[in-house]
């Protein structure tokens, strides 16, 4: 898994974050089997030394709720996004 700033890309993700979910833990760079999801919960704290953390993620295309390994995710940061102008994907 590639490291970003000496940390795996899943460290620090939390409920409400958008993530890119890859099909495998170590995908080929040309792999196109991925989807975008919204984290609705996580079981436990996401730490570098934990590779077994499971996230509950809503697929933004289908609305399907899925359980995924945190190592399959990369947090997406949307430049210029203002939190007070975001339309929620799910109602809390």
Protein backbone atom coordinates (compact mmCIF):
# COMPACT_ATOMS: atom_id res chain seq x y z
CA UNK A 1 0.00 0.00 0.00
CA UNK A 2 1.42 3.42 -0.90
CA UNK A 3 2.23 5.73 1.95
CA UNK A 4 1.33 9.41 2.00
CA UNK A 5 3.32 11.53 4.43
CA UNK A 6 4.64 8.30 6.01
CA UNK A 7 1.09 7.08 6.76
CA UNK A 8 -1.22 4.74 4.85
CA UNK A 9 -3.99 6.69 3.06
CA UNK A 10 -6.73 5.33 5.34
CA UNK A 11 -5.30 6.69 8.61
CA UNK A 12 -7.54 9.48 9.88
CA UNK A 13 -10.66 8.73 7.82
CA UNK A 14 -13.90 9.20 9.73
CA UNK A 15 -17.66 9.09 9.33
CA UNK A 16 -18.72 11.68 6.75
CA UNK A 17 -15.56 11.40 4.62
CA UNK A 18 -15.69 10.57 0.93
CA UNK A 19 -13.33 7.75 -0.01
CA UNK A 20 -12.16 5.98 -3.11
CA UNK A 21 -12.58 2.23 -2.54
CA UNK A 22 -10.28 -0.09 -4.49
CA UNK A 23 -11.16 -3.66 -5.41
CA UNK A 24 -8.07 -5.18 -3.78
CA UNK A 25 -5.51 -4.23 -1.14
CA UNK A 26 -2.70 -3.84 -3.69
CA UNK A 27 -4.29 -2.98 -7.04
CA UNK A 28 -2.41 -2.74 -10.29
CA UNK A 29 -1.92 0.93 -11.32
CA UNK A 30 -4.14 0.31 -14.35
CA UNK A 31 -6.96 -1.23 -12.28
CA UNK A 32 -10.30 0.44 -13.04
CA UNK A 33 -12.36 -1.57 -10.53
CA UNK A 34 -13.04 1.10 -7.89
CA UNK A 35 -15.95 3.16 -6.56
CA UNK A 36 -16.63 6.27 -4.49
CA UNK A 37 -18.23 5.93 -1.08
CA UNK A 38 -19.26 7.90 1.98
CA UNK A 39 -18.15 6.51 5.34
CA UNK A 40 -21.10 6.18 7.71
CA UNK A 41 -19.26 4.40 10.54
CA UNK A 42 -16.06 2.68 11.49
CA UNK A 43 -15.37 -0.04 14.00
CA UNK A 44 -12.43 1.01 16.14
CA UNK A 45 -9.74 3.61 15.64
CA UNK A 46 -7.78 3.74 12.41
CA UNK A 47 -4.12 3.29 13.20
CA UNK A 48 -1.13 2.44 11.06
CA UNK A 49 -0.60 -0.90 12.75
CA UNK A 50 -4.22 -2.05 12.31
CA UNK A 51 -4.94 -3.68 8.99
CA UNK A 52 -8.23 -5.25 10.06
CA UNK A 53 -10.39 -2.17 10.60
CA UNK A 54 -13.77 -2.44 8.89
CA UNK A 55 -15.62 0.62 7.60
CA UNK A 56 -19.31 0.86 6.76
CA UNK A 57 -19.50 2.77 3.49
CA UNK A 58 -22.40 3.84 1.26
CA UNK A 59 -21.70 3.42 -2.47
CA UNK A 60 -22.51 6.88 -3.88
CA UNK A 61 -23.68 5.41 -7.21
CA UNK A 62 -25.96 2.61 -6.03
CA UNK A 63 -26.78 3.60 -2.44
CA UNK A 64 -25.71 0.12 -1.34
CA UNK A 65 -24.27 -0.09 2.18
CA UNK A 66 -21.05 -2.12 2.19
CA UNK A 67 -18.49 -3.30 4.73
CA UNK A 68 -14.95 -2.69 3.47
CA UNK A 69 -11.43 -3.10 4.80
CA UNK A 70 -9.97 0.32 5.65
CA UNK A 71 -6.83 -0.55 3.67
CA UNK A 72 -8.92 -0.54 0.49
CA UNK A 73 -9.80 3.14 0.95
CA UNK A 74 -8.18 6.47 0.23
CA UNK A 75 -9.72 9.65 1.66
CA UNK A 76 -10.79 12.16 -0.99
CA UNK A 77 -10.20 15.83 -0.36
CA UNK A 78 -12.31 18.14 -2.51
CA UNK A 79 -10.47 21.42 -3.01
CA UNK A 80 -12.58 24.52 -2.40
CA UNK A 81 -15.47 22.63 -0.87
CA UNK A 82 -17.29 24.66 1.76
CA UNK A 83 -18.88 22.45 4.42
CA UNK A 84 -21.86 24.80 4.88
CA UNK A 85 -22.80 24.45 1.19
CA UNK A 86 -22.66 20.66 0.93
CA UNK A 87 -25.84 18.71 0.27
CA UNK A 88 -25.79 15.59 2.48
CA UNK A 89 -25.86 12.26 0.65
CA UNK A 90 -27.70 10.61 3.53
CA UNK A 91 -29.97 11.97 6.21
CA UNK A 92 -28.65 11.63 9.74
